[in-house]
Amino acid sequence: MVHIDNVVMNVKDARRATDFWSRALGYRPAADGLPVLVPPDGVGPRLVMDETDRTHIDLYTANAQEQRAEIERLISLGARRVPDWEYPPGAGFVVLEDTEGNVFCVLNADS
């Protein structure tokens, strides 16, 4: 089953946003030093501060087969593929829009 793994937030200053959200939510910085915050108990979605990407959520699936099935299920619920999205080579994600036009990604955890 698909689950939220990341909430990607578009920010102007990743360091400032990481500091604010870590204090606001009690999240701690990821061990790799990236502008990523993890829940204090390790349960729940990570917050990713990104100065170049749009605000969106990342939904994770266990493998390519589950990814395909979840994409089709989400489309049957009213989501749609984002036309003309430019994917990098070997992308393990598909970009969809919800019924309100908000983008989100469905990722294959195996990729």
PDB file of N, CA and C in Angstrom:
ATOM      1  N   MET A   1       0.843  -1.186   0.000  1.00  0.00           N
ATOM      2  CA  MET A   1       0.000   0.000   0.000  1.00  0.00           C
ATOM      3  C   MET A   1       0.883   1.243   0.000  1.00  0.00           C
ATOM      4  N   VAL A   2       0.483   2.229  -0.730  1.00  0.00           N
ATOM      5  CA  VAL A   2       1.215   3.484  -0.828  1.00  0.00           C
ATOM      6  C   VAL A   2       1.168   4.214   0.516  1.00  0.00           C
ATOM      7  N   HIS A   3       2.246   4.940   0.822  1.00  0.00           N
ATOM      8  CA  HIS A   3       2.277   5.747   2.049  1.00  0.00           C
ATOM      9  C   HIS A   3       3.093   7.017   1.813  1.00  0.00           C
ATOM     10  N   ILE A   4       2.793   8.060   2.607  1.00  0.00           N
ATOM     11  CA  ILE A   4       3.551   9.306   2.507  1.00  0.00           C
ATOM     12  C   ILE A   4       4.907   9.095   3.162  1.00  0.00           C
ATOM     13  N   ASP A   5       5.964   9.369   2.417  1.00  0.00           N
ATOM     14  CA  ASP A   5       7.305   9.264   2.965  1.00  0.00           C
ATOM     15  C   ASP A   5       7.933  10.638   3.153  1.00  0.00           C
ATOM     16  N   ASN A   6       7.694  11.530   2.196  1.00  0.00           N
ATOM     17  CA  ASN A   6       8.269  12.878   2.266  1.00  0.00           C
ATOM     18  C   ASN A   6       7.194  13.929   2.028  1.00  0.00           C
ATOM     19  N   VAL A   7       7.336  15.029   2.722  1.00  0.00           N
ATOM     20  CA  VAL A   7       6.625  16.256   2.382  1.00  0.00           C
ATOM     21  C   VAL A   7       7.714  17.222   1.953  1.00  0.00           C
ATOM     22  N   VAL A   8       7.707  17.571   0.674  1.00  0.00           N
ATOM     23  CA  VAL A   8       8.729  18.460   0.122  1.00  0.00           C
ATOM     24  C   VAL A   8       8.167  19.870   0.154  1.00  0.00           C
ATOM     25  N   MET A   9       8.894  20.758   0.829  1.00  0.00           N
ATOM     26  CA  MET A   9       8.437  22.135   0.972  1.00  0.00           C
ATOM     27  C   MET A   9       9.340  23.062   0.179  1.00  0.00           C
ATOM     28  N   ASN A  10       8.757  23.856  -0.699  1.00  0.00           N
ATOM     29  CA  ASN A  10       9.529  24.850  -1.430  1.00  0.00           C
ATOM     30  C   ASN A  10       9.826  26.006  -0.480  1.00  0.00           C
ATOM     31  N   VAL A  11      11.098  26.300  -0.294  1.00  0.00           N
ATOM     32  CA  VAL A  11      11.525  27.342   0.643  1.00  0.00           C
ATOM     33  C   VAL A  11      12.539  28.253  -0.036  1.00  0.00           C
ATOM     34  N   LYS A  12      12.682  29.456   0.480  1.00  0.00           N
ATOM     35  CA  LYS A  12      13.684  30.401  -0.041  1.00  0.00           C
ATOM     36  C   LYS A  12      15.028  30.200   0.623  1.00  0.00           C
ATOM     37  N   ASP A  13      15.031  29.768   1.895  1.00  0.00           N
ATOM     38  CA  ASP A  13      16.254  29.574   2.659  1.00  0.00           C
ATOM     39  C   ASP A  13      16.128  28.247   3.416  1.00  0.00           C
ATOM     40  N   ALA A  14      16.755  27.203   2.869  1.00  0.00           N
ATOM     41  CA  ALA A  14      16.607  25.861   3.439  1.00  0.00           C
ATOM     42  C   ALA A  14      17.104  25.784   4.879  1.00  0.00           C
ATOM     43  N   ARG A  15      18.194  26.452   5.177  1.00  0.00           N
ATOM     44  CA  ARG A  15      18.729  26.414   6.542  1.00  0.00           C
ATOM     45  C   ARG A  15      17.747  27.053   7.526  1.00  0.00           C
ATOM     46  N   ARG A  16      17.226  28.211   7.165  1.00  0.00           N
ATOM     47  CA  ARG A  16      16.273  28.908   8.032  1.00  0.00           C
ATOM     48  C   ARG A  16      14.993  28.081   8.214  1.00  0.00           C
ATOM     49  N   ALA A  17      14.491  27.511   7.125  1.00  0.00           N
ATOM     50  CA  ALA A  17      13.274  26.698   7.205  1.00  0.00           C
ATOM     51  C   ALA A  17      13.509  25.433   8.029  1.00  0.00           C
ATOM     52  N   THR A  18      14.659  24.803   7.859  1.00  0.00           N
ATOM     53  CA  THR A  18      14.981  23.606   8.645  1.00  0.00           C
ATOM     54  C   THR A  18      15.028  23.943  10.122  1.00  0.00           C
ATOM     55  N   ASP A  19      15.637  25.045  10.464  1.00  0.00           N
ATOM     56  CA  ASP A  19      15.709  25.472  11.860  1.00  0.00           C
ATOM     57  C   ASP A  19      14.309  25.723  12.421  1.00  0.00           C
ATOM     58  N   PHE A  20      13.489  26.466  11.673  1.00  0.00           N
ATOM     59  CA  PHE A  20      12.138  26.771  12.141  1.00  0.00           C
ATOM     60  C   PHE A  20      11.317  25.505  12.355  1.00  0.00           C
ATOM     61  N   TRP A  21      11.254  24.644  11.330  1.00  0.00           N
ATOM     62  CA  TRP A  21      10.392  23.464  11.417  1.00  0.00           C
ATOM     63  C   TRP A  21      10.908  22.442  12.420  1.00  0.00           C
ATOM     64  N   SER A  22      12.213  22.368  12.620  1.00  0.00           N
ATOM     65  CA  SER A  22      12.721  21.437  13.640  1.00  0.00           C
ATOM     66  C   SER A  22      12.275  21.893  15.026  1.00  0.00           C
ATOM     67  N   ARG A  23      12.328  23.202  15.266  1.00  0.00           N
ATOM     68  CA  ARG A  23      11.884  23.712  16.573  1.00  0.00           C
ATOM     69  C   ARG A  23      10.365  23.675  16.699  1.00  0.00           C
ATOM     70  N   ALA A  24       9.640  23.936  15.619  1.00  0.00           N
ATOM     71  CA  ALA A  24       8.177  23.957  15.668  1.00  0.00           C
ATOM     72  C   ALA A  24       7.588  22.569  15.908  1.00  0.00           C
ATOM     73  N   LEU A  25       8.203  21.537  15.309  1.00  0.00           N
ATOM     74  CA  LEU A  25       7.633  20.190  15.369  1.00  0.00           C
ATOM     75  C   LEU A  25       8.418  19.213  16.226  1.00  0.00           C
ATOM     76  N   GLY A  26       9.593  19.613  16.673  1.00  0.00           N
ATOM     77  CA  GLY A  26      10.422  18.682  17.425  1.00  0.00           C
ATOM     78  C   GLY A  26      11.118  17.656  16.541  1.00  0.00           C
ATOM     79  N   TYR A  27      11.100  17.887  15.225  1.00  0.00           N
ATOM     80  CA  TYR A  27      11.798  16.995  14.295  1.00  0.00           C
ATOM     81  C   TYR A  27      13.300  17.230  14.438  1.00  0.00           C
ATOM     82  N   ARG A  28      14.101  16.253  14.040  1.00  0.00           N
ATOM     83  CA  ARG A  28      15.552  16.399  14.125  1.00  0.00           C
ATOM     84  C   ARG A  28      16.149  16.330  12.717  1.00  0.00           C
ATOM     85  N   PRO A  29      17.285  16.993  12.528  1.00  0.00           N
ATOM     86  CA  PRO A  29      17.931  16.948  11.210  1.00  0.00           C
ATOM     87  C   PRO A  29      18.355  15.521  10.858  1.00  0.00           C
ATOM     88  N   ALA A  30      18.286  15.199   9.585  1.00  0.00           N
ATOM     89  CA  ALA A  30      18.737  13.894   9.111  1.00  0.00           C
ATOM     90  C   ALA A  30      20.238  13.770   9.329  1.00  0.00           C
ATOM     91  N   ALA A  31      20.702  12.559   9.486  1.00  0.00           N
ATOM     92  CA  ALA A  31      22.107  12.304   9.793  1.00  0.00           C
ATOM     93  C   ALA A  31      23.049  12.710   8.665  1.00  0.00           C
ATOM     94  N   ASP A  32      22.542  12.786   7.425  1.00  0.00           N
ATOM     95  CA  ASP A  32      23.419  13.070   6.288  1.00  0.00           C
ATOM     96  C   ASP A  32      23.696  14.558   6.083  1.00  0.00           C
ATOM     97  N   GLY A  33      23.129  15.426   6.934  1.00  0.00           N
ATOM     98  CA  GLY A  33      23.385  16.848   6.847  1.00  0.00           C
ATOM     99  C   GLY A  33      22.584  17.584   5.785  1.00  0.00           C
ATOM    100  N   LEU A  34      21.733  16.883   5.055  1.00  0.00           N
ATOM    101  CA  LEU A  34      20.882  17.529   4.056  1.00  0.00           C
ATOM    102  C   LEU A  34      19.760  18.286   4.762  1.00  0.00           C
ATOM    103  N   PRO A  35      19.101  19.217   4.072  1.00  0.00           N
ATOM    104  CA  PRO A  35      17.989  19.948   4.700  1.00  0.00           C
ATOM    105  C   PRO A  35      16.735  19.080   4.766  1.00  0.00           C
ATOM    106  N   VAL A  36      16.848  18.016   5.535  1.00  0.00           N
ATOM    107  CA  VAL A  36      15.767  17.050   5.715  1.00  0.00           C
ATOM    108  C   VAL A  36      15.567  16.858   7.202  1.00  0.00           C
ATOM    109  N   LEU A  37      14.302  16.857   7.622  1.00  0.00           N
ATOM    110  CA  LEU A  37      13.967  16.651   9.027  1.00  0.00           C
ATOM    111  C   LEU A  37      13.211  15.340   9.181  1.00  0.00           C
ATOM    112  N   VAL A  38      13.537  14.616  10.237  1.00  0.00           N
ATOM    113  CA  VAL A  38      12.867  13.345  10.502  1.00  0.00           C
ATOM    114  C   VAL A  38      12.123  13.436  11.836  1.00  0.00           C
ATOM    115  N   PRO A  39      11.004  12.719  11.952  1.00  0.00           N
ATOM    116  CA  PRO A  39      10.261  12.749  13.209  1.00  0.00           C
ATOM    117  C   PRO A  39      11.134  12.240  14.350  1.00  0.00           C
ATOM    118  N   PRO A  40      10.943  12.771  15.551  1.00  0.00           N
ATOM    119  CA  PRO A  40      11.799  12.379  16.674  1.00  0.00           C
ATOM    120  C   PRO A  40      11.741  10.886  16.990  1.00  0.00           C
ATOM    121  N   ASP A  41      10.591  10.259  16.777  1.00  0.00           N
ATOM    122  CA  ASP A  41      10.469   8.823  17.054  1.00  0.00           C
ATOM    123  C   ASP A  41      10.703   7.979  15.812  1.00  0.00           C
ATOM    124  N   GLY A  42      11.011   8.636  14.686  1.00  0.00           N
ATOM    125  CA  GLY A  42      11.284   7.919  13.445  1.00  0.00           C
ATOM    126  C   GLY A  42      10.039   7.458  12.711  1.00  0.00           C
ATOM    127  N   VAL A  43       8.864   7.767  13.228  1.00  0.00           N
ATOM    128  CA  VAL A  43       7.613   7.333  12.609  1.00  0.00           C
ATOM    129  C   VAL A  43       6.933   8.533  11.959  1.00  0.00           C
ATOM    130  N   GLY A  44       6.616   8.415  10.688  1.00  0.00           N
ATOM    131  CA  GLY A  44       5.929   9.488   9.980  1.00  0.00           C
ATOM    132  C   GLY A  44       6.774  10.034   8.858  1.00  0.00           C
ATOM    133  N   PRO A  45       6.185  10.945   8.092  1.00  0.00           N
ATOM    134  CA  PRO A  45       6.896  11.475   6.929  1.00  0.00           C
ATOM    135  C   PRO A  45       8.045  12.403   7.313  1.00  0.00           C
ATOM    136  N   ARG A  46       9.050  12.416   6.458  1.00  0.00           N
ATOM    137  CA  ARG A  46      10.158  13.350   6.603  1.00  0.00           C
ATOM    138  C   ARG A  46       9.752  14.670   5.969  1.00  0.00           C
ATOM    139  N   LEU A  47      10.351  15.763   6.399  1.00  0.00           N
ATOM    140  CA  LEU A  47      10.159  17.071   5.778  1.00  0.00           C
ATOM    141  C   LEU A  47      11.429  17.409   5.017  1.00  0.00           C
ATOM    142  N   VAL A  48      11.281  17.696   3.752  1.00  0.00           N
ATOM    143  CA  VAL A  48      12.418  18.026   2.889  1.00  0.00           C
ATOM    144  C   VAL A  48      12.305  19.494   2.511  1.00  0.00           C
ATOM    145  N   MET A  49      13.325  20.280   2.839  1.00  0.00           N
ATOM    146  CA  MET A  49      13.350  21.695   2.484  1.00  0.00           C
ATOM    147  C   MET A  49      14.083  21.832   1.164  1.00  0.00           C
ATOM    148  N   ASP A  50      13.419  22.369   0.146  1.00  0.00           N
ATOM    149  CA  ASP A  50      13.997  22.415  -1.186  1.00  0.00           C
ATOM    150  C   ASP A  50      13.814  23.808  -1.777  1.00  0.00           C
ATOM    151  N   GLU A  51      14.907  24.403  -2.198  1.00  0.00           N
ATOM    152  CA  GLU A  51      14.879  25.755  -2.747  1.00  0.00           C
ATOM    153  C   GLU A  51      14.543  25.777  -4.233  1.00  0.00           C
ATOM    154  N   THR A  52      14.459  24.621  -4.876  1.00  0.00           N
ATOM    155  CA  THR A  52      14.230  24.593  -6.321  1.00  0.00           C
ATOM    156  C   THR A  52      12.972  23.835  -6.738  1.00  0.00           C
ATOM    157  N   ASP A  53      12.429  23.011  -5.891  1.00  0.00           N
ATOM    158  CA  ASP A  53      11.292  22.166  -6.250  1.00  0.00           C
ATOM    159  C   ASP A  53       9.987  22.765  -5.753  1.00  0.00           C
ATOM    160  N   ARG A  54       8.887  22.297  -6.304  1.00  0.00           N
ATOM    161  CA  ARG A  54       7.564  22.724  -5.852  1.00  0.00           C
ATOM    162  C   ARG A  54       7.197  21.988  -4.564  1.00  0.00           C
ATOM    163  N   THR A  55       6.329  22.596  -3.777  1.00  0.00           N
ATOM    164  CA  THR A  55       5.804  21.910  -2.603  1.00  0.00           C
ATOM    165  C   THR A  55       4.944  20.745  -3.081  1.00  0.00           C
ATOM    166  N   HIS A  56       5.206  19.560  -2.537  1.00  0.00           N
ATOM    167  CA  HIS A  56       4.444  18.367  -2.919  1.00  0.00           C
ATOM    168  C   HIS A  56       4.705  17.248  -1.919  1.00  0.00           C
ATOM    169  N   ILE A  57       3.946  16.178  -2.033  1.00  0.00           N
ATOM    170  CA  ILE A  57       4.216  14.995  -1.222  1.00  0.00           C
ATOM    171  C   ILE A  57       4.765  13.897  -2.117  1.00  0.00           C
ATOM    172  N   ASP A  58       5.568  13.033  -1.506  1.00  0.00           N
ATOM    173  CA  ASP A  58       6.087  11.848  -2.171  1.00  0.00           C
ATOM    174  C   ASP A  58       5.395  10.638  -1.568  1.00  0.00           C
ATOM    175  N   LEU A  59       4.739   9.865  -2.419  1.00  0.00           N
ATOM    176  CA  LEU A  59       4.118   8.620  -1.987  1.00  0.00           C
ATOM    177  C   LEU A  59       5.033   7.471  -2.402  1.00  0.00           C
ATOM    178  N   TYR A  60       5.330   6.587  -1.465  1.00  0.00           N
ATOM    179  CA  TYR A  60       6.236   5.483  -1.749  1.00  0.00           C
ATOM    180  C   TYR A  60       5.490   4.178  -1.894  1.00  0.00           C
ATOM    181  N   THR A  61       5.996   3.354  -2.810  1.00  0.00           N
ATOM    182  CA  THR A  61       5.514   1.991  -3.004  1.00  0.00           C
ATOM    183  C   THR A  61       6.704   1.059  -2.831  1.00  0.00           C
ATOM    184  N   ALA A  62       6.425  -0.206  -2.611  1.00  0.00           N
ATOM    185  CA  ALA A  62       7.488  -1.172  -2.318  1.00  0.00           C
ATOM    186  C   ALA A  62       8.298  -1.563  -3.545  1.00  0.00           C
ATOM    187  N   ASN A  63       7.669  -1.556  -4.725  1.00  0.00           N
ATOM    188  CA  ASN A  63       8.360  -2.025  -5.921  1.00  0.00           C
ATOM    189  C   ASN A  63       7.652  -1.499  -7.168  1.00  0.00           C
ATOM    190  N   ALA A  64       8.188  -1.823  -8.333  1.00  0.00           N
ATOM    191  CA  ALA A  64       7.645  -1.309  -9.595  1.00  0.00           C
ATOM    192  C   ALA A  64       6.224  -1.798  -9.841  1.00  0.00           C
ATOM    193  N   GLN A  65       5.939  -3.036  -9.518  1.00  0.00           N
ATOM    194  CA  GLN A  65       4.593  -3.580  -9.727  1.00  0.00           C
ATOM    195  C   GLN A  65       3.577  -2.824  -8.863  1.00  0.00           C
ATOM    196  N   GLU A  66       3.900  -2.612  -7.604  1.00  0.00           N
ATOM    197  CA  GLU A  66       2.999  -1.873  -6.731  1.00  0.00           C
ATOM    198  C   GLU A  66       2.866  -0.420  -7.202  1.00  0.00           C
ATOM    199  N   GLN A  67       3.957   0.162  -7.682  1.00  0.00           N
ATOM    200  CA  GLN A  67       3.909   1.531  -8.195  1.00  0.00           C
ATOM    201  C   GLN A  67       2.907   1.637  -9.339  1.00  0.00           C
ATOM    202  N   ARG A  68       2.999   0.723 -10.310  1.00  0.00           N
ATOM    203  CA  ARG A  68       2.071   0.745 -11.443  1.00  0.00           C
ATOM    204  C   ARG A  68       0.624   0.599 -10.975  1.00  0.00           C
ATOM    205  N   ALA A  69       0.389  -0.326 -10.044  1.00  0.00           N
ATOM    206  CA  ALA A  69      -0.968  -0.548  -9.543  1.00  0.00           C
ATOM    207  C   ALA A  69      -1.494   0.681  -8.808  1.00  0.00           C
ATOM    208  N   GLU A  70      -0.649   1.322  -8.002  1.00  0.00           N
ATOM    209  CA  GLU A  70      -1.083   2.507  -7.256  1.00  0.00           C
ATOM    210  C   GLU A  70      -1.349   3.681  -8.186  1.00  0.00           C
ATOM    211  N   ILE A  71      -0.537   3.836  -9.211  1.00  0.00           N
ATOM    212  CA  ILE A  71      -0.765   4.910 -10.178  1.00  0.00           C
ATOM    213  C   ILE A  71      -2.120   4.713 -10.844  1.00  0.00           C
ATOM    214  N   GLU A  72      -2.408   3.512 -11.270  1.00  0.00           N
ATOM    215  CA  GLU A  72      -3.705   3.236 -11.895  1.00  0.00           C
ATOM    216  C   GLU A  72      -4.848   3.445 -10.911  1.00  0.00           C
ATOM    217  N   ARG A  73      -4.678   3.043  -9.661  1.00  0.00           N
ATOM    218  CA  ARG A  73      -5.713   3.234  -8.642  1.00  0.00           C
ATOM    219  C   ARG A  73      -5.957   4.718  -8.412  1.00  0.00           C
ATOM    220  N   LEU A  74      -4.883   5.498  -8.290  1.00  0.00           N
ATOM    221  CA  LEU A  74      -5.013   6.932  -8.053  1.00  0.00           C
ATOM    222  C   LEU A  74      -5.662   7.636  -9.246  1.00  0.00           C
ATOM    223  N   ILE A  75      -5.323   7.214 -10.454  1.00  0.00           N
ATOM    224  CA  ILE A  75      -5.961   7.768 -11.649  1.00  0.00           C
ATOM    225  C   ILE A  75      -7.452   7.439 -11.644  1.00  0.00           C
ATOM    226  N   SER A  76      -7.798   6.232 -11.213  1.00  0.00           N
ATOM    227  CA  SER A  76      -9.226   5.863 -11.158  1.00  0.00           C
ATOM    228  C   SER A  76      -9.988   6.701 -10.137  1.00  0.00           C
ATOM    229  N   LEU A  77      -9.254   7.277  -9.174  1.00  0.00           N
ATOM    230  CA  LEU A  77      -9.882   8.127  -8.159  1.00  0.00           C
ATOM    231  C   LEU A  77      -9.975   9.591  -8.598  1.00  0.00           C
ATOM    232  N   GLY A  78      -9.370   9.923  -9.746  1.00  0.00           N
ATOM    233  CA  GLY A  78      -9.453  11.287 -10.256  1.00  0.00           C
ATOM    234  C   GLY A  78      -8.123  11.974 -10.480  1.00  0.00           C
ATOM    235  N   ALA A  79      -7.019  11.344 -10.081  1.00  0.00           N
ATOM    236  CA  ALA A  79      -5.693  11.921 -10.355  1.00  0.00           C
ATOM    237  C   ALA A  79      -5.432  11.838 -11.859  1.00  0.00           C
ATOM    238  N   ARG A  80      -4.478  12.607 -12.319  1.00  0.00           N
ATOM    239  CA  ARG A  80      -4.086  12.545 -13.728  1.00  0.00           C
ATOM    240  C   ARG A  80      -2.567  12.763 -13.845  1.00  0.00           C
ATOM    241  N   ARG A  81      -2.028  12.175 -14.893  1.00  0.00           N
ATOM    242  CA  ARG A  81      -0.597  12.368 -15.148  1.00  0.00           C
ATOM    243  C   ARG A  81      -0.346  13.825 -15.533  1.00  0.00           C
ATOM    244  N   VAL A  82       0.779  14.359 -15.108  1.00  0.00           N
ATOM    245  CA  VAL A  82       1.145  15.721 -15.483  1.00  0.00           C
ATOM    246  C   VAL A  82       1.723  15.665 -16.891  1.00  0.00           C
ATOM    247  N   PRO A  83       1.068  16.347 -17.830  1.00  0.00           N
ATOM    248  CA  PRO A  83       1.557  16.288 -19.212  1.00  0.00           C
ATOM    249  C   PRO A  83       2.902  17.008 -19.359  1.00  0.00           C
ATOM    250  N   ASP A  84       3.720  16.471 -20.208  1.00  0.00           N
ATOM    251  CA  ASP A  84       4.994  17.100 -20.579  1.00  0.00           C
ATOM    252  C   ASP A  84       5.977  17.258 -19.421  1.00  0.00           C
ATOM    253  N   TRP A  85       5.863  16.446 -18.361  1.00  0.00           N
ATOM    254  CA  TRP A  85       6.839  16.509 -17.271  1.00  0.00           C
ATOM    255  C   TRP A  85       8.157  15.976 -17.793  1.00  0.00           C
ATOM    256  N   GLU A  86       9.253  16.662 -17.516  1.00  0.00           N
ATOM    257  CA  GLU A  86      10.571  16.215 -17.960  1.00  0.00           C
ATOM    258  C   GLU A  86      11.214  15.373 -16.867  1.00  0.00           C
ATOM    259  N   TYR A  87      11.347  14.083 -17.127  1.00  0.00           N
ATOM    260  CA  TYR A  87      11.928  13.154 -16.171  1.00  0.00           C
ATOM    261  C   TYR A  87      13.416  12.971 -16.437  1.00  0.00           C
ATOM    262  N   PRO A  88      14.223  12.873 -15.378  1.00  0.00           N
ATOM    263  CA  PRO A  88      15.636  12.557 -15.587  1.00  0.00           C
ATOM    264  C   PRO A  88      15.781  11.094 -16.007  1.00  0.00           C
ATOM    265  N   PRO A  89      16.898  10.742 -16.626  1.00  0.00           N
ATOM    266  CA  PRO A  89      17.111   9.348 -17.019  1.00  0.00           C
ATOM    267  C   PRO A  89      16.993   8.417 -15.806  1.00  0.00           C
ATOM    268  N   GLY A  90      16.294   7.314 -15.980  1.00  0.00           N
ATOM    269  CA  GLY A  90      16.167   6.316 -14.923  1.00  0.00           C
ATOM    270  C   GLY A  90      15.285   6.733 -13.760  1.00  0.00           C
ATOM    271  N   ALA A  91      14.431   7.719 -13.962  1.00  0.00           N
ATOM    272  CA  ALA A  91      13.571   8.204 -12.873  1.00  0.00           C
ATOM    273  C   ALA A  91      12.728   7.065 -12.314  1.00  0.00           C
ATOM    274  N   GLY A  92      12.694   6.965 -11.003  1.00  0.00           N
ATOM    275  CA  GLY A  92      11.891   5.946 -10.330  1.00  0.00           C
ATOM    276  C   GLY A  92      10.603   6.526  -9.786  1.00  0.00           C
ATOM    277  N   PHE A  93      10.145   7.619 -10.377  1.00  0.00           N
ATOM    278  CA  PHE A  93       8.937   8.271  -9.900  1.00  0.00           C
ATOM    279  C   PHE A  93       8.075   8.708 -11.080  1.00  0.00           C
ATOM    280  N   VAL A  94       6.790   8.876 -10.772  1.00  0.00           N
ATOM    281  CA  VAL A  94       5.833   9.396 -11.739  1.00  0.00           C
ATOM    282  C   VAL A  94       5.138  10.568 -11.074  1.00  0.00           C
ATOM    283  N   VAL A  95       4.973  11.658 -11.810  1.00  0.00           N
ATOM    284  CA  VAL A  95       4.336  12.856 -11.278  1.00  0.00           C
ATOM    285  C   VAL A  95       2.877  12.872 -11.702  1.00  0.00           C
ATOM    286  N   LEU A  96       2.009  13.000 -10.703  1.00  0.00           N
ATOM    287  CA  LEU A  96       0.570  13.089 -10.929  1.00  0.00           C
ATOM    288  C   LEU A  96       0.048  14.389 -10.341  1.00  0.00           C
ATOM    289  N   GLU A  97      -1.172  14.743 -10.722  1.00  0.00           N
ATOM    290  CA  GLU A  97      -1.891  15.858 -10.116  1.00  0.00           C
ATOM    291  C   GLU A  97      -3.135  15.305  -9.442  1.00  0.00           C
ATOM    292  N   ASP A  98      -3.477  15.866  -8.283  1.00  0.00           N
ATOM    293  CA  ASP A  98      -4.732  15.469  -7.657  1.00  0.00           C
ATOM    294  C   ASP A  98      -5.885  16.197  -8.345  1.00  0.00           C
ATOM    295  N   THR A  99      -7.081  16.046  -7.838  1.00  0.00           N
ATOM    296  CA  THR A  99      -8.260  16.641  -8.459  1.00  0.00           C
ATOM    297  C   THR A  99      -8.259  18.167  -8.401  1.00  0.00           C
ATOM    298  N   GLU A 100      -7.371  18.749  -7.577  1.00  0.00           N
ATOM    299  CA  GLU A 100      -7.270  20.205  -7.461  1.00  0.00           C
ATOM    300  C   GLU A 100      -6.061  20.772  -8.188  1.00  0.00           C
ATOM    301  N   GLY A 101      -5.304  19.917  -8.871  1.00  0.00           N
ATOM    302  CA  GLY A 101      -4.139  20.376  -9.615  1.00  0.00           C
ATOM    303  C   GLY A 101      -2.847  20.396  -8.824  1.00  0.00           C
ATOM    304  N   ASN A 102      -2.867  19.878  -7.583  1.00  0.00           N
ATOM    305  CA  ASN A 102      -1.651  19.790  -6.767  1.00  0.00           C
ATOM    306  C   ASN A 102      -0.827  18.600  -7.230  1.00  0.00           C
ATOM    307  N   VAL A 103       0.459  18.829  -7.467  1.00  0.00           N
ATOM    308  CA  VAL A 103       1.313  17.730  -7.912  1.00  0.00           C
ATOM    309  C   VAL A 103       1.754  16.864  -6.734  1.00  0.00           C
ATOM    310  N   PHE A 104       1.982  15.594  -7.038  1.00  0.00           N
ATOM    311  CA  PHE A 104       2.579  14.669  -6.084  1.00  0.00           C
ATOM    312  C   PHE A 104       3.293  13.578  -6.871  1.00  0.00           C
ATOM    313  N   CYS A 105       4.240  12.927  -6.214  1.00  0.00           N
ATOM    314  CA  CYS A 105       5.034  11.901  -6.868  1.00  0.00           C
ATOM    315  C   CYS A 105       4.713  10.537  -6.291  1.00  0.00           C
ATOM    316  N   VAL A 106       4.705   9.535  -7.163  1.00  0.00           N
ATOM    317  CA  VAL A 106       4.572   8.153  -6.733  1.00  0.00           C
ATOM    318  C   VAL A 106       5.904   7.493  -7.055  1.00  0.00           C
ATOM    319  N   LEU A 107       6.620   7.092  -5.996  1.00  0.00           N
ATOM    320  CA  LEU A 107       7.971   6.569  -6.145  1.00  0.00           C
ATOM    321  C   LEU A 107       8.016   5.071  -5.938  1.00  0.00           C
ATOM    322  N   ASN A 108       8.941   4.452  -6.638  1.00  0.00           N
ATOM    323  CA  ASN A 108       9.245   3.049  -6.468  1.00  0.00           C
ATOM    324  C   ASN A 108      10.442   2.961  -5.531  1.00  0.00           C
ATOM    325  N   ALA A 109      10.241   2.428  -4.340  1.00  0.00           N
ATOM    326  CA  ALA A 109      11.303   2.364  -3.337  1.00  0.00           C
ATOM    327  C   ALA A 109      12.484   1.510  -3.790  1.00  0.00           C
ATOM    328  N   ASP A 110      12.258   0.618  -4.751  1.00  0.00           N
ATOM    329  CA  ASP A 110      13.337  -0.222  -5.270  1.00  0.00           C
ATOM    330  C   ASP A 110      14.253   0.503  -6.236  1.00  0.00           C
ATOM    331  N   SER A 111      13.840   1.668  -6.721  1.00  0.00           N
ATOM    332  CA  SER A 111      14.667   2.332  -7.748  1.00  0.00           C
ATOM    333  C   SER A 111      15.674   3.276  -7.123  1.00  0.00           C
TER     334      SER A 111
END
